[in-house]
Amino acid sequence: MSAPLRVVVADDQVLVRTGFRMILTADGIDVVGEATNGLEAVEAVRRTVPDVVLMDIRMPELDGLEATRRILTGAESEPRVIILTTFDLDHYVYAALSAGASGFLLKDVTPEHLVASVRMVRSGDALLAPAITRRLVERFANRGADTASLHRDLAALTPRELEVLSLLARGLSNAELAGKLHLSEATVKTHVARILAKLRLRDRVQAVVVAYETGLVTPSGQG
C-alpha cells in the first residue's frame, strides 16, 4: 500500500483550518501540521515534510507568497503548494504561481473538490487548467515588482518544444495539442516532460507563466 498523503494547512482562521482538517482526515489524508501565519507554515513544513501544503495567501507575520518562496527555495524535499484565496483572480495568486505554487483553490471549495485537488497535486499534476492559468497571466503579467518572475533560457528548447510550449500557454490540453500538431498524446506528453525538465519547472502552470514572461507568447495571443 502507498504511504498516506501528508498535508499541512496554513490559514489564520481557525474555522478554515478545522474544516479542512476534518474533510481531509475523513478521506484518509493525514493533516500533519497546522499554521496560523507564514512563519509557522515554513517551520511546520520543515518539521513534518508534507506532500502538500494548503497555504492561505493573506496571513499575519509572513504572507503566503513569501512563505511559499521560502518553502520551495533550496528544500531537499519540496512539497506541492496549493494557494488558498477568498477571491477569484486575486493578484497575489499570479505571483504565487510564479514562485512555484502548483495551483489555487477558493476557500469555499466543496469537500469533494478539496480532496480531489490535494490528491491530484500530490500525483504531480498542476491544479489549474492551462486556460485558467493563461487568464491569470494575461491579467497580471508585468504588473509590478511583487510578481516573482521565473527567469528561464528558452534556447535549450528545440523548435518543436517551443511550438508545444507556445500552444500549451494558449490553453490547449494534451489532446488538443496532439490534434493541432498531428502527434499522439504520448508524444505530446514526452515533449511537455522534456520542456519541464529543461527549464527546471515543476508543472504546466509554471510553463505557462514562463511562456508569457519570456515573451514567447504575449497577452494579446501573438507568439
C-alpha atoms as a PDB file:
ATOM      1  CA  MET A   1       0.000   0.000   0.000  1.00  0.00           C
ATOM      2  CA  SER A   2       1.197   3.540  -0.717  1.00  0.00           C
ATOM      3  CA  ALA A   3       2.033   5.839   2.173  1.00  0.00           C
ATOM      4  CA  PRO A   4      -0.755   8.125   3.412  1.00  0.00           C
ATOM      5  CA  LEU A   5      -0.846  11.565   1.876  1.00  0.00           C
ATOM      6  CA  ARG A   6       0.579  14.151   4.322  1.00  0.00           C
ATOM      7  CA  VAL A   7      -0.743  17.722   4.379  1.00  0.00           C
ATOM      8  CA  VAL A   8      -0.005  20.961   6.249  1.00  0.00           C
ATOM      9  CA  VAL A   9      -2.843  23.506   6.468  1.00  0.00           C
ATOM     10  CA  ALA A  10      -1.795  27.149   6.876  1.00  0.00           C
ATOM     11  CA  ASP A  11      -4.565  29.696   7.484  1.00  0.00           C
ATOM     12  CA  ASP A  12      -5.108  32.344  10.139  1.00  0.00           C
ATOM     13  CA  GLN A  13      -8.792  31.426  10.502  1.00  0.00           C
ATOM     14  CA  VAL A  14      -9.356  28.566  12.921  1.00  0.00           C
ATOM     15  CA  LEU A  15     -12.657  27.585  11.296  1.00  0.00           C
ATOM     16  CA  VAL A  16     -10.963  27.176   7.922  1.00  0.00           C
ATOM     17  CA  ARG A  17      -8.195  25.022   9.379  1.00  0.00           C
ATOM     18  CA  THR A  18     -10.648  22.920  11.386  1.00  0.00           C
ATOM     19  CA  GLY A  19     -12.981  22.407   8.447  1.00  0.00           C
ATOM     20  CA  PHE A  20     -10.224  21.439   6.058  1.00  0.00           C
ATOM     21  CA  ARG A  21      -8.675  19.086   8.617  1.00  0.00           C
ATOM     22  CA  MET A  22     -11.996  17.309   9.170  1.00  0.00           C
ATOM     23  CA  ILE A  23     -12.636  16.955   5.439  1.00  0.00           C
ATOM     24  CA  LEU A  24      -9.167  15.632   4.660  1.00  0.00           C
ATOM     25  CA  THR A  25      -8.968  13.313   7.654  1.00  0.00           C
ATOM     26  CA  ALA A  26     -12.345  11.800   6.823  1.00  0.00           C
ATOM     27  CA  ASP A  27     -10.924  10.799   3.448  1.00  0.00           C
ATOM     28  CA  GLY A  28      -7.820   9.135   4.880  1.00  0.00           C
ATOM     29  CA  ILE A  29      -5.455  12.078   4.363  1.00  0.00           C
ATOM     30  CA  ASP A  30      -3.100  12.882   7.261  1.00  0.00           C
ATOM     31  CA  VAL A  31      -3.022  16.522   8.380  1.00  0.00           C
ATOM     32  CA  VAL A  32       0.435  16.503   9.953  1.00  0.00           C
ATOM     33  CA  GLY A  33       0.648  20.195  10.799  1.00  0.00           C
ATOM     34  CA  GLU A  34      -1.265  23.471  11.049  1.00  0.00           C
ATOM     35  CA  ALA A  35      -0.097  27.068  10.963  1.00  0.00           C
ATOM     36  CA  THR A  36      -1.686  30.428  11.699  1.00  0.00           C
ATOM     37  CA  ASN A  37       0.848  32.531   9.781  1.00  0.00           C
ATOM     38  CA  GLY A  38       3.568  32.226   7.180  1.00  0.00           C
ATOM     39  CA  LEU A  39       6.426  31.816   9.637  1.00  0.00           C
ATOM     40  CA  GLU A  40       4.637  28.935  11.344  1.00  0.00           C
ATOM     41  CA  ALA A  41       3.913  27.425   7.921  1.00  0.00           C
ATOM     42  CA  VAL A  42       7.593  27.395   6.951  1.00  0.00           C
ATOM     43  CA  GLU A  43       8.520  25.832  10.305  1.00  0.00           C
ATOM     44  CA  ALA A  44       5.723  23.255  10.091  1.00  0.00           C
ATOM     45  CA  VAL A  45       6.823  22.180   6.612  1.00  0.00           C
ATOM     46  CA  ARG A  46      10.433  21.797   7.697  1.00  0.00           C
ATOM     47  CA  ARG A  47       9.377  19.812  10.761  1.00  0.00           C
ATOM     48  CA  THR A  48       6.827  17.481   9.165  1.00  0.00           C
ATOM     49  CA  VAL A  49       7.976  17.223   5.495  1.00  0.00           C
ATOM     50  CA  PRO A  50       4.455  17.041   3.992  1.00  0.00           C
ATOM     51  CA  ASP A  51       3.469  16.121   0.443  1.00  0.00           C
ATOM     52  CA  VAL A  52       1.106  19.084   0.033  1.00  0.00           C
ATOM     53  CA  VAL A  53       0.685  22.482   1.718  1.00  0.00           C
ATOM     54  CA  LEU A  54      -2.632  24.326   1.699  1.00  0.00           C
ATOM     55  CA  MET A  55      -1.432  27.922   2.000  1.00  0.00           C
ATOM     56  CA  ASP A  56      -3.599  30.950   2.696  1.00  0.00           C
ATOM     57  CA  ILE A  57      -2.315  33.846   0.595  1.00  0.00           C
ATOM     58  CA  ARG A  58      -3.010  36.509   3.235  1.00  0.00           C
ATOM     59  CA  MET A  59      -1.701  35.829   6.741  1.00  0.00           C
ATOM     60  CA  PRO A  60      -0.027  37.875   9.506  1.00  0.00           C
ATOM     61  CA  GLU A  61       3.706  37.829  10.302  1.00  0.00           C
ATOM     62  CA  LEU A  62       4.570  36.454   6.846  1.00  0.00           C
ATOM     63  CA  ASP A  63       2.142  36.190   3.946  1.00  0.00           C
ATOM     64  CA  GLY A  64       1.546  33.035   1.956  1.00  0.00           C
ATOM     65  CA  LEU A  65       3.519  34.309  -1.021  1.00  0.00           C
ATOM     66  CA  GLU A  66       6.774  34.780   0.876  1.00  0.00           C
ATOM     67  CA  ALA A  67       6.167  31.563   2.815  1.00  0.00           C
ATOM     68  CA  THR A  68       5.796  29.698  -0.480  1.00  0.00           C
ATOM     69  CA  ARG A  69       9.052  31.152  -1.765  1.00  0.00           C
ATOM     70  CA  ARG A  70      10.916  30.114   1.381  1.00  0.00           C
ATOM     71  CA  ILE A  71       9.449  26.618   1.375  1.00  0.00           C
ATOM     72  CA  LEU A  72      10.284  25.982  -2.281  1.00  0.00           C
ATOM     73  CA  THR A  73      13.768  27.522  -2.249  1.00  0.00           C
ATOM     74  CA  GLY A  74      16.561  25.115  -1.528  1.00  0.00           C
ATOM     75  CA  ALA A  75      14.453  22.465   0.159  1.00  0.00           C
ATOM     76  CA  GLU A  76      15.649  18.887  -0.191  1.00  0.00           C
ATOM     77  CA  SER A  77      12.081  17.613  -0.422  1.00  0.00           C
ATOM     78  CA  GLU A  78       9.779  20.186  -1.991  1.00  0.00           C
ATOM     79  CA  PRO A  79       6.068  19.794  -1.245  1.00  0.00           C
ATOM     80  CA  ARG A  80       3.347  20.869  -3.634  1.00  0.00           C
ATOM     81  CA  VAL A  81       1.800  24.174  -2.569  1.00  0.00           C
ATOM     82  CA  ILE A  82      -1.865  24.991  -3.186  1.00  0.00           C
ATOM     83  CA  ILE A  83      -2.754  28.625  -2.607  1.00  0.00           C
ATOM     84  CA  LEU A  84      -5.987  29.385  -0.733  1.00  0.00           C
ATOM     85  CA  THR A  85      -7.723  32.632  -1.595  1.00  0.00           C
ATOM     86  CA  THR A  86     -11.096  34.238  -0.947  1.00  0.00           C
ATOM     87  CA  PHE A  87     -11.398  35.985  -4.289  1.00  0.00           C
ATOM     88  CA  ASP A  88     -11.027  34.549  -7.773  1.00  0.00           C
ATOM     89  CA  LEU A  89      -8.072  36.063  -9.647  1.00  0.00           C
ATOM     90  CA  ASP A  90      -6.557  37.683  -6.568  1.00  0.00           C
ATOM     91  CA  HIS A  91      -3.438  39.361  -7.968  1.00  0.00           C
ATOM     92  CA  TYR A  92      -1.290  37.633  -5.361  1.00  0.00           C
ATOM     93  CA  VAL A  93      -2.174  34.296  -6.921  1.00  0.00           C
ATOM     94  CA  TYR A  94      -0.186  35.075 -10.054  1.00  0.00           C
ATOM     95  CA  ALA A  95       2.890  35.929  -8.010  1.00  0.00           C
ATOM     96  CA  ALA A  96       2.454  32.716  -6.022  1.00  0.00           C
ATOM     97  CA  LEU A  97       2.293  30.656  -9.209  1.00  0.00           C
ATOM     98  CA  SER A  98       5.461  32.366 -10.382  1.00  0.00           C
ATOM     99  CA  ALA A  99       7.075  31.483  -7.058  1.00  0.00           C
ATOM    100  CA  GLY A 100       6.345  27.795  -7.613  1.00  0.00           C
ATOM    101  CA  ALA A 101       2.844  27.095  -6.325  1.00  0.00           C
ATOM    102  CA  SER A 102       1.058  24.321  -8.195  1.00  0.00           C
ATOM    103  CA  GLY A 103      -2.363  25.969  -8.283  1.00  0.00           C
ATOM    104  CA  PHE A 104      -5.010  27.673  -6.227  1.00  0.00           C
ATOM    105  CA  LEU A 105      -8.353  26.992  -4.597  1.00  0.00           C
ATOM    106  CA  LEU A 106     -11.093  29.307  -3.418  1.00  0.00           C
ATOM    107  CA  LYS A 107     -11.866  28.888   0.281  1.00  0.00           C
ATOM    108  CA  ASP A 108     -15.470  27.960  -0.479  1.00  0.00           C
ATOM    109  CA  VAL A 109     -14.294  24.842  -2.337  1.00  0.00           C
ATOM    110  CA  THR A 110     -16.540  21.800  -1.937  1.00  0.00           C
ATOM    111  CA  PRO A 111     -15.232  18.913   0.192  1.00  0.00           C
ATOM    112  CA  GLU A 112     -15.078  16.649  -2.843  1.00  0.00           C
ATOM    113  CA  HIS A 113     -13.085  19.162  -4.874  1.00  0.00           C
ATOM    114  CA  LEU A 114     -10.722  19.828  -1.982  1.00  0.00           C
ATOM    115  CA  VAL A 115      -9.861  16.156  -1.581  1.00  0.00           C
ATOM    116  CA  ALA A 116      -9.570  15.573  -5.329  1.00  0.00           C
ATOM    117  CA  SER A 117      -7.318  18.631  -5.728  1.00  0.00           C
ATOM    118  CA  VAL A 118      -4.930  17.579  -2.962  1.00  0.00           C
ATOM    119  CA  ARG A 119      -4.634  14.084  -4.401  1.00  0.00           C
ATOM    120  CA  MET A 120      -4.155  15.378  -7.948  1.00  0.00           C
ATOM    121  CA  VAL A 121      -1.409  17.798  -6.971  1.00  0.00           C
ATOM    122  CA  ARG A 122       0.407  15.140  -4.969  1.00  0.00           C
ATOM    123  CA  SER A 123       0.494  12.922  -8.071  1.00  0.00           C
ATOM    124  CA  GLY A 124       2.407  15.654  -9.911  1.00  0.00           C
ATOM    125  CA  ASP A 125      -0.385  17.282 -11.899  1.00  0.00           C
ATOM    126  CA  ALA A 126      -0.990  21.020 -11.953  1.00  0.00           C
ATOM    127  CA  LEU A 127      -4.196  22.086 -10.277  1.00  0.00           C
ATOM    128  CA  LEU A 128      -5.100  24.762 -12.818  1.00  0.00           C
ATOM    129  CA  ALA A 129      -6.182  24.117 -16.357  1.00  0.00           C
ATOM    130  CA  PRO A 130      -3.785  25.950 -18.709  1.00  0.00           C
ATOM    131  CA  ALA A 131      -6.622  28.177 -19.930  1.00  0.00           C
ATOM    132  CA  ILE A 132      -7.278  29.434 -16.383  1.00  0.00           C
ATOM    133  CA  THR A 133      -3.585  29.978 -15.785  1.00  0.00           C
ATOM    134  CA  ARG A 134      -3.364  31.898 -19.053  1.00  0.00           C
ATOM    135  CA  ARG A 135      -6.194  34.167 -17.867  1.00  0.00           C
ATOM    136  CA  LEU A 136      -4.245  34.900 -14.688  1.00  0.00           C
ATOM    137  CA  VAL A 137      -1.043  35.608 -16.613  1.00  0.00           C
ATOM    138  CA  GLU A 138      -2.736  37.851 -19.158  1.00  0.00           C
ATOM    139  CA  ARG A 139      -4.318  39.902 -16.399  1.00  0.00           C
ATOM    140  CA  PHE A 140      -1.370  40.277 -14.072  1.00  0.00           C
ATOM    141  CA  ALA A 141       1.869  39.716 -16.019  1.00  0.00           C
ATOM    142  CA  ASN A 142       4.297  42.621 -15.699  1.00  0.00           C
ATOM    143  CA  ARG A 143       2.033  44.408 -13.190  1.00  0.00           C
ATOM    144  CA  GLY A 144       4.674  45.445 -10.688  1.00  0.00           C
ATOM    145  CA  ALA A 145       7.573  44.301  -8.579  1.00  0.00           C
ATOM    146  CA  ASP A 146       5.547  41.859  -6.480  1.00  0.00           C
ATOM    147  CA  THR A 147       5.488  39.327  -9.309  1.00  0.00           C
ATOM    148  CA  ALA A 148       8.282  36.813  -8.843  1.00  0.00           C
ATOM    149  CA  SER A 149       9.483  36.313 -12.397  1.00  0.00           C
ATOM    150  CA  LEU A 150      10.773  32.940 -13.483  1.00  0.00           C
ATOM    151  CA  HIS A 151      13.901  33.610 -15.497  1.00  0.00           C
ATOM    152  CA  ARG A 152      14.480  30.797 -17.929  1.00  0.00           C
ATOM    153  CA  ASP A 153      16.522  30.492 -21.119  1.00  0.00           C
ATOM    154  CA  LEU A 154      14.355  29.078 -23.887  1.00  0.00           C
ATOM    155  CA  ALA A 155      17.428  28.447 -26.059  1.00  0.00           C
ATOM    156  CA  ALA A 156      17.604  24.943 -24.594  1.00  0.00           C
ATOM    157  CA  LEU A 157      14.333  24.010 -26.304  1.00  0.00           C
ATOM    158  CA  THR A 158      14.055  22.550 -29.784  1.00  0.00           C
ATOM    159  CA  PRO A 159      11.811  24.261 -32.384  1.00  0.00           C
ATOM    160  CA  ARG A 160       9.148  21.607 -31.776  1.00  0.00           C
ATOM    161  CA  GLU A 161       9.344  22.091 -28.000  1.00  0.00           C
ATOM    162  CA  LEU A 162       8.965  25.845 -28.457  1.00  0.00           C
ATOM    163  CA  GLU A 163       5.898  25.206 -30.576  1.00  0.00           C
ATOM    164  CA  VAL A 164       4.430  22.898 -27.926  1.00  0.00           C
ATOM    165  CA  LEU A 165       5.139  25.437 -25.163  1.00  0.00           C
ATOM    166  CA  SER A 166       3.541  28.232 -27.165  1.00  0.00           C
ATOM    167  CA  LEU A 167       0.354  26.240 -27.729  1.00  0.00           C
ATOM    168  CA  LEU A 168       0.301  24.973 -24.145  1.00  0.00           C
ATOM    169  CA  ALA A 169       0.440  28.583 -22.953  1.00  0.00           C
ATOM    170  CA  ARG A 170      -2.638  29.395 -25.016  1.00  0.00           C
ATOM    171  CA  GLY A 171      -4.630  26.859 -23.037  1.00  0.00           C
ATOM    172  CA  LEU A 172      -4.523  23.718 -25.179  1.00  0.00           C
ATOM    173  CA  SER A 173      -4.811  20.367 -23.418  1.00  0.00           C
ATOM    174  CA  ASN A 174      -2.623  17.400 -24.358  1.00  0.00           C
ATOM    175  CA  ALA A 175      -5.400  16.032 -26.559  1.00  0.00           C
ATOM    176  CA  GLU A 176      -5.808  19.390 -28.308  1.00  0.00           C
ATOM    177  CA  LEU A 177      -2.050  19.705 -28.733  1.00  0.00           C
ATOM    178  CA  ALA A 178      -1.945  16.241 -30.285  1.00  0.00           C
ATOM    179  CA  GLY A 179      -4.660  17.156 -32.773  1.00  0.00           C
ATOM    180  CA  LYS A 180      -3.114  20.516 -33.639  1.00  0.00           C
ATOM    181  CA  LEU A 181       0.377  19.081 -34.196  1.00  0.00           C
ATOM    182  CA  HIS A 182      -0.762  15.740 -35.676  1.00  0.00           C
ATOM    183  CA  LEU A 183       1.030  13.814 -32.937  1.00  0.00           C
ATOM    184  CA  SER A 184      -0.010  11.114 -30.493  1.00  0.00           C
ATOM    185  CA  GLU A 185      -0.883  12.160 -26.953  1.00  0.00           C
ATOM    186  CA  ALA A 186       2.034  10.052 -25.718  1.00  0.00           C
ATOM    187  CA  THR A 187       4.420  12.070 -27.895  1.00  0.00           C
ATOM    188  CA  VAL A 188       2.924  15.325 -26.642  1.00  0.00           C
ATOM    189  CA  LYS A 189       3.367  14.189 -23.031  1.00  0.00           C
ATOM    190  CA  THR A 190       7.006  13.412 -23.805  1.00  0.00           C
ATOM    191  CA  HIS A 191       7.529  16.891 -25.263  1.00  0.00           C
ATOM    192  CA  VAL A 192       5.885  18.524 -22.232  1.00  0.00           C
ATOM    193  CA  ALA A 193       8.004  16.445 -19.847  1.00  0.00           C
ATOM    194  CA  ARG A 194      11.180  17.468 -21.672  1.00  0.00           C
ATOM    195  CA  ILE A 195      10.181  21.138 -21.587  1.00  0.00           C
ATOM    196  CA  LEU A 196       9.631  20.972 -17.830  1.00  0.00           C
ATOM    197  CA  ALA A 197      12.933  19.169 -17.308  1.00  0.00           C
ATOM    198  CA  LYS A 198      14.989  21.521 -19.486  1.00  0.00           C
ATOM    199  CA  LEU A 199      13.503  24.650 -17.924  1.00  0.00           C
ATOM    200  CA  ARG A 200      13.581  23.186 -14.398  1.00  0.00           C
ATOM    201  CA  LEU A 201       9.857  23.691 -13.876  1.00  0.00           C
ATOM    202  CA  ARG A 202       7.536  21.781 -11.557  1.00  0.00           C
ATOM    203  CA  ASP A 203       4.449  21.644 -13.748  1.00  0.00           C
ATOM    204  CA  ARG A 204       2.436  23.054 -16.645  1.00  0.00           C
ATOM    205  CA  VAL A 205       1.334  26.048 -14.574  1.00  0.00           C
ATOM    206  CA  GLN A 206       4.899  27.323 -14.369  1.00  0.00           C
ATOM    207  CA  ALA A 207       5.408  26.554 -18.054  1.00  0.00           C
ATOM    208  CA  VAL A 208       2.530  28.868 -18.960  1.00  0.00           C
ATOM    209  CA  VAL A 209       3.958  31.618 -16.759  1.00  0.00           C
ATOM    210  CA  VAL A 210       7.388  31.244 -18.367  1.00  0.00           C
ATOM    211  CA  ALA A 211       5.928  31.391 -21.875  1.00  0.00           C
ATOM    212  CA  TYR A 212       4.446  34.811 -21.120  1.00  0.00           C
ATOM    213  CA  GLU A 213       7.288  36.224 -19.057  1.00  0.00           C
ATOM    214  CA  THR A 214       9.899  35.371 -21.696  1.00  0.00           C
ATOM    215  CA  GLY A 215       7.768  36.886 -24.477  1.00  0.00           C
ATOM    216  CA  LEU A 216       7.242  33.602 -26.314  1.00  0.00           C
ATOM    217  CA  VAL A 217       3.537  34.350 -26.014  1.00  0.00           C
ATOM    218  CA  THR A 218       2.064  37.778 -25.339  1.00  0.00           C
ATOM    219  CA  PRO A 219      -1.203  38.714 -23.609  1.00  0.00           C
ATOM    220  CA  SER A 220      -2.613  39.633 -27.000  1.00  0.00           C
ATOM    221  CA  GLY A 221      -2.202  35.987 -28.021  1.00  0.00           C
ATOM    222  CA  GLN A 222       0.555  36.590 -30.533  1.00  0.00           C
ATOM    223  CA  GLY A 223       3.657  34.469 -30.058  1.00  0.00           C
END
